PDB file of N, CA and C in Angstrom:
ATOM      1  N   UNK A   1       5.464  -3.743  20.721  1.00  0.00           N
ATOM      2  CA  UNK A   1       6.590  -4.503  20.144  1.00  0.00           C
ATOM      3  C   UNK A   1       7.666  -4.492  21.318  1.00  0.00           C
ATOM      4  N   UNK A   2       7.277  -4.634  22.472  1.00  0.00           N
ATOM      5  CA  UNK A   2       8.206  -5.043  23.415  1.00  0.00           C
ATOM      6  C   UNK A   2       8.932  -6.161  23.466  1.00  0.00           C
ATOM      7  N   UNK A   3       9.631  -6.272  23.951  1.00  0.00           N
ATOM      8  CA  UNK A   3      10.731  -7.623  23.744  1.00  0.00           C
ATOM      9  C   UNK A   3      10.602  -8.447  22.917  1.00  0.00           C
ATOM     10  N   UNK A   4      10.807  -8.028  21.243  1.00  0.00           N
ATOM     11  CA  UNK A   4      10.738  -8.870  20.263  1.00  0.00           C
ATOM     12  C   UNK A   4      12.451  -9.323  19.716  1.00  0.00           C
ATOM     13  N   UNK A   5      12.413 -10.127  19.363  1.00  0.00           N
ATOM     14  CA  UNK A   5      13.937 -10.388  18.742  1.00  0.00           C
ATOM     15  C   UNK A   5      14.359 -10.364  17.463  1.00  0.00           C
ATOM     16  N   UNK A   6      15.086  -9.378  16.867  1.00  0.00           N
ATOM     17  CA  UNK A   6      14.904  -8.967  15.551  1.00  0.00           C
ATOM     18  C   UNK A   6      16.231  -9.945  15.396  1.00  0.00           C
ATOM     19  N   UNK A   7      16.950 -10.366  15.858  1.00  0.00           N
ATOM     20  CA  UNK A   7      18.557 -10.965  15.878  1.00  0.00           C
ATOM     21  C   UNK A   7      18.157 -11.700  14.554  1.00  0.00           C
ATOM     22  N   UNK A   8      18.895 -11.366  13.369  1.00  0.00           N
ATOM     23  CA  UNK A   8      19.824 -12.041  12.258  1.00  0.00           C
ATOM     24  C   UNK A   8      18.710 -12.036  11.474  1.00  0.00           C
ATOM     25  N   UNK A   9      17.879 -10.603  11.596  1.00  0.00           N
ATOM     26  CA  UNK A   9      16.748  -9.848  10.556  1.00  0.00           C
ATOM     27  C   UNK A   9      16.812  -9.686   9.382  1.00  0.00           C
ATOM     28  N   UNK A  10      16.335  -9.493   8.465  1.00  0.00           N
ATOM     29  CA  UNK A  10      16.445  -7.869   7.735  1.00  0.00           C
ATOM     30  C   UNK A  10      15.279  -7.206   7.398  1.00  0.00           C
ATOM     31  N   UNK A  11      15.701  -6.287   7.870  1.00  0.00           N
ATOM     32  CA  UNK A  11      14.433  -5.314   8.113  1.00  0.00           C
ATOM     33  C   UNK A  11      14.801  -3.697   7.258  1.00  0.00           C
ATOM     34  N   UNK A  12      15.154  -4.001   5.992  1.00  0.00           N
ATOM     35  CA  UNK A  12      15.752  -3.172   5.662  1.00  0.00           C
ATOM     36  C   UNK A  12      14.341  -2.472   5.183  1.00  0.00           C
ATOM     37  N   UNK A  13      14.410  -0.743   4.855  1.00  0.00           N
ATOM     38  CA  UNK A  13      13.533  -0.259   4.834  1.00  0.00           C
ATOM     39  C   UNK A  13      12.032  -0.386   5.330  1.00  0.00           C
ATOM     40  N   UNK A  14      12.342  -1.033   6.637  1.00  0.00           N
ATOM     41  CA  UNK A  14      11.156  -0.939   7.469  1.00  0.00           C
ATOM     42  C   UNK A  14      10.857   0.082   7.991  1.00  0.00           C
ATOM     43  N   UNK A  15       9.485   0.554   8.520  1.00  0.00           N
ATOM     44  CA  UNK A  15       8.736   1.551   9.443  1.00  0.00           C
ATOM     45  C   UNK A  15       8.631   1.140  10.356  1.00  0.00           C
ATOM     46  N   UNK A  16       9.078   1.842  11.461  1.00  0.00           N
ATOM     47  CA  UNK A  16       8.883   1.226  12.443  1.00  0.00           C
ATOM     48  C   UNK A  16       8.118   2.736  13.077  1.00  0.00           C
ATOM     49  N   UNK A  17       6.300   2.646  13.034  1.00  0.00           N
ATOM     50  CA  UNK A  17       5.761   3.513  12.982  1.00  0.00           C
ATOM     51  C   UNK A  17       5.260   4.117  14.561  1.00  0.00           C
ATOM     52  N   UNK A  18       5.852   4.867  15.665  1.00  0.00           N
ATOM     53  CA  UNK A  18       5.659   5.118  16.907  1.00  0.00           C
ATOM     54  C   UNK A  18       5.221   3.718  17.651  1.00  0.00           C
ATOM     55  N   UNK A  19       6.735   2.913  17.752  1.00  0.00           N
ATOM     56  CA  UNK A  19       6.760   1.845  18.681  1.00  0.00           C
ATOM     57  C   UNK A  19       7.185   2.285  19.729  1.00  0.00           C
ATOM     58  N   UNK A  20       7.304   1.341  20.801  1.00  0.00           N
ATOM     59  CA  UNK A  20       7.510   0.785  21.745  1.00  0.00           C
ATOM     60  C   UNK A  20       8.321  -0.015  21.293  1.00  0.00           C
ATOM     61  N   UNK A  21       9.399  -0.127  21.717  1.00  0.00           N
ATOM     62  CA  UNK A  21      10.822  -1.200  21.804  1.00  0.00           C
ATOM     63  C   UNK A  21      11.487  -1.172  22.610  1.00  0.00           C
ATOM     64  N   UNK A  22      11.137  -1.317  23.623  1.00  0.00           N
ATOM     65  CA  UNK A  22      11.602  -1.678  25.016  1.00  0.00           C
ATOM     66  C   UNK A  22      12.019  -2.819  25.048  1.00  0.00           C
ATOM     67  N   UNK A  23      13.130  -2.921  25.623  1.00  0.00           N
ATOM     68  CA  UNK A  23      13.551  -4.561  25.293  1.00  0.00           C
ATOM     69  C   UNK A  23      14.114  -5.489  24.131  1.00  0.00           C
ATOM     70  N   UNK A  24      13.996  -4.799  23.079  1.00  0.00           N
ATOM     71  CA  UNK A  24      13.744  -5.185  21.442  1.00  0.00           C
ATOM     72  C   UNK A  24      15.191  -5.858  21.606  1.00  0.00           C
ATOM     73  N   UNK A  25      15.302  -6.635  20.716  1.00  0.00           N
ATOM     74  CA  UNK A  25      17.245  -7.338  20.593  1.00  0.00           C
ATOM     75  C   UNK A  25      17.492  -6.775  18.967  1.00  0.00           C
ATOM     76  N   UNK A  26      17.988  -6.346  18.596  1.00  0.00           N
ATOM     77  CA  UNK A  26      18.618  -6.139  17.698  1.00  0.00           C
ATOM     78  C   UNK A  26      19.847  -6.346  17.601  1.00  0.00           C
ATOM     79  N   UNK A  27      20.660  -7.575  16.894  1.00  0.00           N
ATOM     80  CA  UNK A  27      22.340  -7.992  16.912  1.00  0.00           C
ATOM     81  C   UNK A  27      21.992  -8.689  15.419  1.00  0.00           C
ATOM     82  N   UNK A  28      23.256  -8.304  14.937  1.00  0.00           N
ATOM     83  CA  UNK A  28      23.609  -9.116  13.727  1.00  0.00           C
ATOM     84  C   UNK A  28      21.973  -8.560  12.505  1.00  0.00           C
ATOM     85  N   UNK A  29      21.732  -7.389  12.695  1.00  0.00           N
ATOM     86  CA  UNK A  29      20.028  -7.154  11.827  1.00  0.00           C
ATOM     87  C   UNK A  29      20.494  -6.198  10.761  1.00  0.00           C
ATOM     88  N   UNK A  30      19.480  -6.204   9.666  1.00  0.00           N
ATOM     89  CA  UNK A  30      19.888  -5.374   8.688  1.00  0.00           C
ATOM     90  C   UNK A  30      19.220  -4.556   8.837  1.00  0.00           C
ATOM     91  N   UNK A  31      19.361  -3.021   9.170  1.00  0.00           N
ATOM     92  CA  UNK A  31      18.267  -1.971   9.117  1.00  0.00           C
ATOM     93  C   UNK A  31      18.525  -0.642   8.428  1.00  0.00           C
ATOM     94  N   UNK A  32      19.237  -1.146   7.706  1.00  0.00           N
ATOM     95  CA  UNK A  32      19.590  -0.037   6.215  1.00  0.00           C
ATOM     96  C   UNK A  32      18.140   0.596   5.711  1.00  0.00           C
ATOM     97  N   UNK A  33      18.137   1.832   5.645  1.00  0.00           N
ATOM     98  CA  UNK A  33      17.184   2.506   5.169  1.00  0.00           C
ATOM     99  C   UNK A  33      15.610   2.442   5.975  1.00  0.00           C
ATOM    100  N   UNK A  34      15.857   1.243   7.624  1.00  0.00           N
ATOM    101  CA  UNK A  34      14.812   1.882   8.283  1.00  0.00           C
ATOM    102  C   UNK A  34      14.380   3.142   8.867  1.00  0.00           C
ATOM    103  N   UNK A  35      13.047   3.147   9.496  1.00  0.00           N
ATOM    104  CA  UNK A  35      12.848   4.492   9.625  1.00  0.00           C
ATOM    105  C   UNK A  35      12.121   4.251  11.269  1.00  0.00           C
ATOM    106  N   UNK A  36      13.081   4.367  12.054  1.00  0.00           N
ATOM    107  CA  UNK A  36      12.699   4.810  13.786  1.00  0.00           C
ATOM    108  C   UNK A  36      12.258   5.914  14.233  1.00  0.00           C
ATOM    109  N   UNK A  37      12.153   6.794  13.400  1.00  0.00           N
ATOM    110  CA  UNK A  37      11.988   8.754  13.633  1.00  0.00           C
ATOM    111  C   UNK A  37      10.600   8.244  15.190  1.00  0.00           C
ATOM    112  N   UNK A  38       9.604   8.287  14.609  1.00  0.00           N
ATOM    113  CA  UNK A  38       8.658   8.329  15.654  1.00  0.00           C
ATOM    114  C   UNK A  38       8.365   6.659  16.499  1.00  0.00           C
ATOM    115  N   UNK A  39       9.721   6.049  16.576  1.00  0.00           N
ATOM    116  CA  UNK A  39       9.529   5.009  18.219  1.00  0.00           C
ATOM    117  C   UNK A  39      10.508   5.761  18.801  1.00  0.00           C
ATOM    118  N   UNK A  40      10.538   4.838  20.055  1.00  0.00           N
ATOM    119  CA  UNK A  40      11.384   5.151  21.119  1.00  0.00           C
ATOM    120  C   UNK A  40      11.446   3.981  22.028  1.00  0.00           C
ATOM    121  N   UNK A  41      12.560   4.232  23.136  1.00  0.00           N
ATOM    122  CA  UNK A  41      13.194   3.003  24.083  1.00  0.00           C
ATOM    123  C   UNK A  41      14.048   1.988  23.243  1.00  0.00           C
ATOM    124  N   UNK A  42      14.437   2.426  22.116  1.00  0.00           N
ATOM    125  CA  UNK A  42      15.259   1.441  21.479  1.00  0.00           C
ATOM    126  C   UNK A  42      16.794   1.518  21.952  1.00  0.00           C
ATOM    127  N   UNK A  43      17.282   0.360  21.789  1.00  0.00           N
ATOM    128  CA  UNK A  43      18.893   0.394  22.223  1.00  0.00           C
ATOM    129  C   UNK A  43      19.252  -0.461  21.034  1.00  0.00           C
ATOM    130  N   UNK A  44      20.110   0.033  20.706  1.00  0.00           N
ATOM    131  CA  UNK A  44      20.663  -0.103  19.046  1.00  0.00           C
ATOM    132  C   UNK A  44      22.428  -0.178  18.336  1.00  0.00           C
ATOM    133  N   UNK A  45      23.515  -1.431  18.788  1.00  0.00           N
ATOM    134  CA  UNK A  45      24.251  -0.945  18.784  1.00  0.00           C
ATOM    135  C   UNK A  45      25.205  -1.182  17.307  1.00  0.00           C
ATOM    136  N   UNK A  46      25.379   0.037  16.833  1.00  0.00           N
ATOM    137  CA  UNK A  46      25.564   0.181  15.281  1.00  0.00           C
ATOM    138  C   UNK A  46      26.915  -0.559  14.668  1.00  0.00           C
ATOM    139  N   UNK A  47      27.695  -1.258  16.005  1.00  0.00           N
ATOM    140  CA  UNK A  47      28.666  -1.740  15.929  1.00  0.00           C
ATOM    141  C   UNK A  47      28.259  -3.389  15.442  1.00  0.00           C
ATOM    142  N   UNK A  48      27.025  -3.607  15.536  1.00  0.00           N
ATOM    143  CA  UNK A  48      26.543  -4.848  15.148  1.00  0.00           C
ATOM    144  C   UNK A  48      25.091  -5.017  14.974  1.00  0.00           C
ATOM    145  N   UNK A  49      25.229  -3.843  13.843  1.00  0.00           N
ATOM    146  CA  UNK A  49      23.541  -3.957  12.821  1.00  0.00           C
ATOM    147  C   UNK A  49      24.354  -3.129  11.842  1.00  0.00           C
ATOM    148  N   UNK A  50      23.421  -3.127  10.884  1.00  0.00           N
ATOM    149  CA  UNK A  50      23.626  -2.685   9.364  1.00  0.00           C
ATOM    150  C   UNK A  50      22.993  -0.962   9.448  1.00  0.00           C
ATOM    151  N   UNK A  51      23.181  -0.068   9.521  1.00  0.00           N
ATOM    152  CA  UNK A  51      22.106   0.885   9.708  1.00  0.00           C
ATOM    153  C   UNK A  51      23.040   2.297   9.182  1.00  0.00           C
ATOM    154  N   UNK A  52      23.009   1.640   7.315  1.00  0.00           N
ATOM    155  CA  UNK A  52      23.364   2.486   6.570  1.00  0.00           C
ATOM    156  C   UNK A  52      22.032   3.555   6.054  1.00  0.00           C
ATOM    157  N   UNK A  53      21.635   4.654   6.383  1.00  0.00           N
ATOM    158  CA  UNK A  53      20.380   5.371   6.118  1.00  0.00           C
ATOM    159  C   UNK A  53      19.339   5.332   6.414  1.00  0.00           C
ATOM    160  N   UNK A  54      19.479   4.567   7.892  1.00  0.00           N
ATOM    161  CA  UNK A  54      18.214   4.321   8.974  1.00  0.00           C
ATOM    162  C   UNK A  54      18.176   5.864   9.350  1.00  0.00           C
ATOM    163  N   UNK A  55      16.923   6.042   9.726  1.00  0.00           N
ATOM    164  CA  UNK A  55      16.307   7.098   9.749  1.00  0.00           C
ATOM    165  C   UNK A  55      15.998   7.176  11.656  1.00  0.00           C
ATOM    166  N   UNK A  56      16.653   7.880  12.475  1.00  0.00           N
ATOM    167  CA  UNK A  56      16.221   8.416  13.810  1.00  0.00           C
ATOM    168  C   UNK A  56      15.728  10.005  13.947  1.00  0.00           C
ATOM    169  N   UNK A  57      15.224   9.759  15.053  1.00  0.00           N
ATOM    170  CA  UNK A  57      14.654  11.187  15.733  1.00  0.00           C
ATOM    171  C   UNK A  57      16.133  11.760  16.506  1.00  0.00           C
ATOM    172  N   UNK A  58      16.483  13.145  16.643  1.00  0.00           N
ATOM    173  CA  UNK A  58      17.947  13.721  17.625  1.00  0.00           C
ATOM    174  C   UNK A  58      17.045  13.104  18.894  1.00  0.00           C
ATOM    175  N   UNK A  59      15.586  13.207  19.244  1.00  0.00           N
ATOM    176  CA  UNK A  59      15.671  12.675  21.099  1.00  0.00           C
ATOM    177  C   UNK A  59      16.111  10.661  20.824  1.00  0.00           C
ATOM    178  N   UNK A  60      15.999  10.312  19.435  1.00  0.00           N
ATOM    179  CA  UNK A  60      16.391   8.532  19.336  1.00  0.00           C
ATOM    180  C   UNK A  60      17.929   8.231  19.737  1.00  0.00           C
ATOM    181  N   UNK A  61      18.397   9.273  19.400  1.00  0.00           N
ATOM    182  CA  UNK A  61      19.937   9.140  19.116  1.00  0.00           C
ATOM    183  C   UNK A  61      20.447   8.502  20.705  1.00  0.00           C
ATOM    184  N   UNK A  62      19.748   8.614  21.836  1.00  0.00           N
ATOM    185  CA  UNK A  62      20.356   7.827  22.896  1.00  0.00           C
ATOM    186  C   UNK A  62      20.261   6.771  22.750  1.00  0.00           C
ATOM    187  N   UNK A  63      19.250   6.040  22.143  1.00  0.00           N
ATOM    188  CA  UNK A  63      19.374   4.446  22.195  1.00  0.00           C
ATOM    189  C   UNK A  63      20.520   3.646  21.416  1.00  0.00           C
ATOM    190  N   UNK A  64      21.486   4.450  20.237  1.00  0.00           N
ATOM    191  CA  UNK A  64      22.281   4.240  20.008  1.00  0.00           C
ATOM    192  C   UNK A  64      23.906   4.715  20.734  1.00  0.00           C
ATOM    193  N   UNK A  65      23.498   5.286  21.374  1.00  0.00           N
ATOM    194  CA  UNK A  65      25.056   5.486  22.165  1.00  0.00           C
ATOM    195  C   UNK A  65      24.897   4.686  23.593  1.00  0.00           C
ATOM    196  N   UNK A  66      23.366   3.931  24.484  1.00  0.00           N
ATOM    197  CA  UNK A  66      23.707   3.761  25.159  1.00  0.00           C
ATOM    198  C   UNK A  66      24.941   2.385  25.899  1.00  0.00           C
ATOM    199  N   UNK A  67      25.390   2.068  25.038  1.00  0.00           N
ATOM    200  CA  UNK A  67      26.289   0.713  25.331  1.00  0.00           C
ATOM    201  C   UNK A  67      27.927   1.747  25.486  1.00  0.00           C
ATOM    202  N   UNK A  68      27.706   3.009  25.360  1.00  0.00           N
ATOM    203  CA  UNK A  68      28.927   3.743  25.814  1.00  0.00           C
ATOM    204  C   UNK A  68      29.198   4.740  26.999  1.00  0.00           C
ATOM    205  N   UNK A  69      28.062   4.196  27.393  1.00  0.00           N
ATOM    206  CA  UNK A  69      27.429   5.237  29.080  1.00  0.00           C
ATOM    207  C   UNK A  69      27.671   6.221  28.988  1.00  0.00           C
ATOM    208  N   UNK A  70      27.116   6.862  28.032  1.00  0.00           N
ATOM    209  CA  UNK A  70      27.576   8.713  28.079  1.00  0.00           C
ATOM    210  C   UNK A  70      26.094   9.462  28.737  1.00  0.00           C
ATOM    211  N   UNK A  71      26.390  10.358  29.027  1.00  0.00           N
ATOM    212  CA  UNK A  71      25.030  11.244  29.365  1.00  0.00           C
ATOM    213  C   UNK A  71      24.456  12.239  28.155  1.00  0.00           C
ATOM    214  N   UNK A  72      23.377  11.771  28.107  1.00  0.00           N
ATOM    215  CA  UNK A  72      22.532  12.804  26.756  1.00  0.00           C
ATOM    216  C   UNK A  72      22.049  14.016  27.292  1.00  0.00           C
ATOM    217  N   UNK A  73      21.746  15.190  27.065  1.00  0.00           N
ATOM    218  CA  UNK A  73      20.843  15.921  27.548  1.00  0.00           C
ATOM    219  C   UNK A  73      20.605  16.571  27.013  1.00  0.00           C
TER     220      UNK A  73
END
């Protein structure tokens, strides 16, 4: 699923099972209760998407913080 445009999409309760989401676009996307637990390489701005109850692994949290240019180890 590399470089997929999910802009303005309703992905409520979607399961992203072991997906490489490199360069995927998430803007104004409803991701409530979506499951990203086994996916990787995503960048999602929590301020521009609905993420209530979405599921992420601790390793995937970096993709939610990328815009802040933080160093996560």
